[in-house]
């Protein structure tokens, strides 16, 4: 399925809003409270387009999956802390192990988000992000994976 640049961003934004969850830790208890409400979502410097450009400019197709023509989507979940740092990165829905590990590697490189806000205070927010791997778009020499909007 072909997606233009703007419809891909809208899909990403919708997935982000639907799948994002927020957790707050009580200072008087070690019990975590989960909610789906946040007044201001975390933002990567430059916005969603810069976020996707960063991911796809650093993503490399792993050799084994490339050679065996494995392609699809790895869904990565992580927390943007109140400091803007990325934490608790894990796969929600995976493909091949090497594709999942590559998606995790690149997401762990993310940093300096503007944190989510609730009642004027920065809070940790759960962020879920699908990362596409398609062989037909990979540059054979560099194994770079282009941004889906450029396909």
C-alpha atoms as a PDB file:
ATOM      1  CA  UNK A   1       0.000   0.000   0.000  1.00  0.00           C
ATOM      2  CA  UNK A   2       1.456   3.341  -1.056  1.00  0.00           C
ATOM      3  CA  UNK A   3       1.182   6.271   1.371  1.00  0.00           C
ATOM      4  CA  UNK A   4       2.028   9.840   0.605  1.00  0.00           C
ATOM      5  CA  UNK A   5       4.035  11.886   3.094  1.00  0.00           C
ATOM      6  CA  UNK A   6       1.061  13.528   4.794  1.00  0.00           C
ATOM      7  CA  UNK A   7      -1.182  10.475   5.082  1.00  0.00           C
ATOM      8  CA  UNK A   8       1.756   8.563   6.628  1.00  0.00           C
ATOM      9  CA  UNK A   9       2.219  11.329   9.200  1.00  0.00           C
ATOM     10  CA  UNK A  10      -1.510  11.291   9.959  1.00  0.00           C
ATOM     11  CA  UNK A  11      -1.423   7.508  10.408  1.00  0.00           C
ATOM     12  CA  UNK A  12       1.584   7.871  12.716  1.00  0.00           C
ATOM     13  CA  UNK A  13      -0.144  10.616  14.707  1.00  0.00           C
ATOM     14  CA  UNK A  14      -3.321   8.538  15.032  1.00  0.00           C
ATOM     15  CA  UNK A  15      -1.350   5.464  16.136  1.00  0.00           C
ATOM     16  CA  UNK A  16       0.592   7.630  18.542  1.00  0.00           C
ATOM     17  CA  UNK A  17      -2.545   9.077  20.128  1.00  0.00           C
ATOM     18  CA  UNK A  18      -4.405   5.769  20.274  1.00  0.00           C
ATOM     19  CA  UNK A  19      -1.533   3.627  21.516  1.00  0.00           C
ATOM     20  CA  UNK A  20       0.143   6.125  23.816  1.00  0.00           C
ATOM     21  CA  UNK A  21      -0.338   5.579  27.502  1.00  0.00           C
ATOM     22  CA  UNK A  22       0.765   7.637  30.390  1.00  0.00           C
ATOM     23  CA  UNK A  23       2.011   6.432  33.698  1.00  0.00           C
ATOM     24  CA  UNK A  24       2.568   8.458  36.823  1.00  0.00           C
ATOM     25  CA  UNK A  25       4.318   7.210  39.912  1.00  0.00           C
ATOM     26  CA  UNK A  26       2.896   8.320  43.197  1.00  0.00           C
ATOM     27  CA  UNK A  27       5.503   9.885  45.468  1.00  0.00           C
ATOM     28  CA  UNK A  28       3.929   8.192  48.492  1.00  0.00           C
ATOM     29  CA  UNK A  29       3.545   4.759  46.933  1.00  0.00           C
ATOM     30  CA  UNK A  30       5.386   2.485  44.558  1.00  0.00           C
ATOM     31  CA  UNK A  31       2.070   1.725  42.796  1.00  0.00           C
ATOM     32  CA  UNK A  32       1.922   3.085  39.243  1.00  0.00           C
ATOM     33  CA  UNK A  33      -1.270   4.688  37.965  1.00  0.00           C
ATOM     34  CA  UNK A  34      -2.076   4.319  34.271  1.00  0.00           C
ATOM     35  CA  UNK A  35      -4.137   6.774  32.260  1.00  0.00           C
ATOM     36  CA  UNK A  36      -4.499   7.720  28.615  1.00  0.00           C
ATOM     37  CA  UNK A  37      -4.901  11.444  29.200  1.00  0.00           C
ATOM     38  CA  UNK A  38      -2.142  13.982  28.759  1.00  0.00           C
ATOM     39  CA  UNK A  39      -2.554  17.684  28.009  1.00  0.00           C
ATOM     40  CA  UNK A  40       0.594  18.052  25.884  1.00  0.00           C
ATOM     41  CA  UNK A  41       2.162  15.048  24.160  1.00  0.00           C
ATOM     42  CA  UNK A  42       5.956  14.696  24.049  1.00  0.00           C
ATOM     43  CA  UNK A  43       7.510  16.170  20.926  1.00  0.00           C
ATOM     44  CA  UNK A  44      10.735  15.298  19.168  1.00  0.00           C
ATOM     45  CA  UNK A  45      12.798  18.390  18.238  1.00  0.00           C
ATOM     46  CA  UNK A  46      11.431  19.488  14.868  1.00  0.00           C
ATOM     47  CA  UNK A  47       8.234  17.429  15.163  1.00  0.00           C
ATOM     48  CA  UNK A  48       7.051  14.082  13.806  1.00  0.00           C
ATOM     49  CA  UNK A  49       8.636  14.492  10.404  1.00  0.00           C
ATOM     50  CA  UNK A  50      12.095  15.053  11.954  1.00  0.00           C
ATOM     51  CA  UNK A  51      11.514  12.059  14.227  1.00  0.00           C
ATOM     52  CA  UNK A  52      10.743   9.795  11.278  1.00  0.00           C
ATOM     53  CA  UNK A  53      13.640  11.227   9.264  1.00  0.00           C
ATOM     54  CA  UNK A  54      16.023  10.504  12.166  1.00  0.00           C
ATOM     55  CA  UNK A  55      14.776   6.934  12.500  1.00  0.00           C
ATOM     56  CA  UNK A  56      14.936   6.091   8.815  1.00  0.00           C
ATOM     57  CA  UNK A  57      18.272   7.824   8.237  1.00  0.00           C
ATOM     58  CA  UNK A  58      19.825   5.625  10.955  1.00  0.00           C
ATOM     59  CA  UNK A  59      17.995   2.372  10.205  1.00  0.00           C
ATOM     60  CA  UNK A  60      19.961  -0.352   8.372  1.00  0.00           C
ATOM     61  CA  UNK A  61      18.446  -3.557   7.005  1.00  0.00           C
ATOM     62  CA  UNK A  62      20.036  -6.501   8.857  1.00  0.00           C
ATOM     63  CA  UNK A  63      21.925  -8.938   6.614  1.00  0.00           C
ATOM     64  CA  UNK A  64      20.033 -12.111   7.506  1.00  0.00           C
ATOM     65  CA  UNK A  65      16.556 -10.634   6.969  1.00  0.00           C
ATOM     66  CA  UNK A  66      17.694  -8.928   3.756  1.00  0.00           C
ATOM     67  CA  UNK A  67      19.145 -12.169   2.357  1.00  0.00           C
ATOM     68  CA  UNK A  68      15.997 -14.123   3.313  1.00  0.00           C
ATOM     69  CA  UNK A  69      13.605 -11.437   2.033  1.00  0.00           C
ATOM     70  CA  UNK A  70      11.982 -10.875   5.440  1.00  0.00           C
ATOM     71  CA  UNK A  71      10.020  -7.638   5.605  1.00  0.00           C
ATOM     72  CA  UNK A  72       7.244  -6.088   7.637  1.00  0.00           C
ATOM     73  CA  UNK A  73       6.670  -3.896  10.655  1.00  0.00           C
ATOM     74  CA  UNK A  74       8.238  -3.895  14.111  1.00  0.00           C
ATOM     75  CA  UNK A  75       6.220  -1.955  16.671  1.00  0.00           C
ATOM     76  CA  UNK A  76       8.394  -0.364  19.360  1.00  0.00           C
ATOM     77  CA  UNK A  77       7.135   1.072  22.630  1.00  0.00           C
ATOM     78  CA  UNK A  78       9.123   3.379  24.873  1.00  0.00           C
ATOM     79  CA  UNK A  79       8.685   5.966  27.593  1.00  0.00           C
ATOM     80  CA  UNK A  80       9.581   9.610  27.124  1.00  0.00           C
ATOM     81  CA  UNK A  81      10.583  10.588  30.653  1.00  0.00           C
ATOM     82  CA  UNK A  82       9.822  13.962  32.248  1.00  0.00           C
ATOM     83  CA  UNK A  83      13.433  14.869  31.406  1.00  0.00           C
ATOM     84  CA  UNK A  84      12.887  14.171  27.678  1.00  0.00           C
ATOM     85  CA  UNK A  85      15.078  11.053  27.742  1.00  0.00           C
ATOM     86  CA  UNK A  86      13.925   7.766  26.186  1.00  0.00           C
ATOM     87  CA  UNK A  87      13.578   4.786  28.550  1.00  0.00           C
ATOM     88  CA  UNK A  88      11.979   1.318  28.778  1.00  0.00           C
ATOM     89  CA  UNK A  89      12.327   0.533  25.073  1.00  0.00           C
ATOM     90  CA  UNK A  90      10.774  -2.778  24.003  1.00  0.00           C
ATOM     91  CA  UNK A  91       9.047  -4.521  21.109  1.00  0.00           C
ATOM     92  CA  UNK A  92       5.249  -4.633  21.262  1.00  0.00           C
ATOM     93  CA  UNK A  93       4.790  -6.541  18.011  1.00  0.00           C
ATOM     94  CA  UNK A  94       7.795  -8.025  16.316  1.00  0.00           C
ATOM     95  CA  UNK A  95       8.980  -9.505  13.065  1.00  0.00           C
ATOM     96  CA  UNK A  96      12.293 -11.318  12.792  1.00  0.00           C
ATOM     97  CA  UNK A  97      14.619 -10.957  15.759  1.00  0.00           C
ATOM     98  CA  UNK A  98      17.263  -9.036  13.794  1.00  0.00           C
ATOM     99  CA  UNK A  99      14.685  -6.531  12.477  1.00  0.00           C
ATOM    100  CA  UNK A 100      13.365  -6.036  16.008  1.00  0.00           C
ATOM    101  CA  UNK A 101      16.891  -5.533  17.372  1.00  0.00           C
ATOM    102  CA  UNK A 102      17.621  -2.938  14.678  1.00  0.00           C
ATOM    103  CA  UNK A 103      14.390  -1.068  15.483  1.00  0.00           C
ATOM    104  CA  UNK A 104      15.319  -1.106  19.191  1.00  0.00           C
ATOM    105  CA  UNK A 105      18.857   0.106  18.428  1.00  0.00           C
ATOM    106  CA  UNK A 106      17.631   3.137  16.520  1.00  0.00           C
ATOM    107  CA  UNK A 107      14.884   4.062  19.001  1.00  0.00           C
ATOM    108  CA  UNK A 108      17.430   3.917  21.849  1.00  0.00           C
ATOM    109  CA  UNK A 109      19.381   6.610  19.964  1.00  0.00           C
ATOM    110  CA  UNK A 110      16.473   9.076  20.325  1.00  0.00           C
ATOM    111  CA  UNK A 111      16.941  11.826  22.861  1.00  0.00           C
ATOM    112  CA  UNK A 112      15.947  15.342  23.862  1.00  0.00           C
ATOM    113  CA  UNK A 113      12.186  15.095  23.465  1.00  0.00           C
ATOM    114  CA  UNK A 114      10.137  17.973  24.777  1.00  0.00           C
ATOM    115  CA  UNK A 115       8.349  16.087  27.593  1.00  0.00           C
ATOM    116  CA  UNK A 116       4.630  15.477  27.873  1.00  0.00           C
ATOM    117  CA  UNK A 117       2.776  17.815  30.213  1.00  0.00           C
ATOM    118  CA  UNK A 118      -0.122  17.405  32.608  1.00  0.00           C
ATOM    119  CA  UNK A 119      -1.314  20.280  34.818  1.00  0.00           C
ATOM    120  CA  UNK A 120       1.729  22.294  33.768  1.00  0.00           C
ATOM    121  CA  UNK A 121       4.196  19.632  34.960  1.00  0.00           C
ATOM    122  CA  UNK A 122       6.427  17.411  32.820  1.00  0.00           C
ATOM    123  CA  UNK A 123       5.425  13.748  33.062  1.00  0.00           C
ATOM    124  CA  UNK A 124       6.583  10.403  31.641  1.00  0.00           C
ATOM    125  CA  UNK A 125       4.526   9.320  28.622  1.00  0.00           C
ATOM    126  CA  UNK A 126       4.409   5.969  26.849  1.00  0.00           C
ATOM    127  CA  UNK A 127       5.029   6.264  23.079  1.00  0.00           C
ATOM    128  CA  UNK A 128       4.364   3.516  20.515  1.00  0.00           C
ATOM    129  CA  UNK A 129       5.953   3.654  17.090  1.00  0.00           C
ATOM    130  CA  UNK A 130       5.681   1.282  14.086  1.00  0.00           C
ATOM    131  CA  UNK A 131       8.874   0.920  12.037  1.00  0.00           C
ATOM    132  CA  UNK A 132       8.563  -0.472   8.494  1.00  0.00           C
ATOM    133  CA  UNK A 133      11.128  -2.705   6.790  1.00  0.00           C
ATOM    134  CA  UNK A 134      10.610  -3.234   3.042  1.00  0.00           C
ATOM    135  CA  UNK A 135      13.222  -4.904   0.876  1.00  0.00           C
ATOM    136  CA  UNK A 136      12.092  -3.396  -2.424  1.00  0.00           C
ATOM    137  CA  UNK A 137      13.099   0.065  -1.189  1.00  0.00           C
ATOM    138  CA  UNK A 138      16.482  -0.780   0.332  1.00  0.00           C
ATOM    139  CA  UNK A 139      19.661   0.550  -1.239  1.00  0.00           C
ATOM    140  CA  UNK A 140      21.644  -2.675  -1.891  1.00  0.00           C
ATOM    141  CA  UNK A 141      25.082  -1.281  -0.999  1.00  0.00           C
ATOM    142  CA  UNK A 142      24.304   0.611   2.197  1.00  0.00           C
ATOM    143  CA  UNK A 143      21.253  -1.424   3.298  1.00  0.00           C
ATOM    144  CA  UNK A 144      19.683   1.882   4.290  1.00  0.00           C
ATOM    145  CA  UNK A 145      15.913   1.861   4.714  1.00  0.00           C
ATOM    146  CA  UNK A 146      14.224   4.968   3.277  1.00  0.00           C
ATOM    147  CA  UNK A 147      11.420   6.781   5.078  1.00  0.00           C
ATOM    148  CA  UNK A 148       8.064   5.235   4.046  1.00  0.00           C
ATOM    149  CA  UNK A 149       6.826   8.560   2.675  1.00  0.00           C
ATOM    150  CA  UNK A 150       9.583   8.434   0.044  1.00  0.00           C
ATOM    151  CA  UNK A 151       8.425   5.075  -1.349  1.00  0.00           C
END
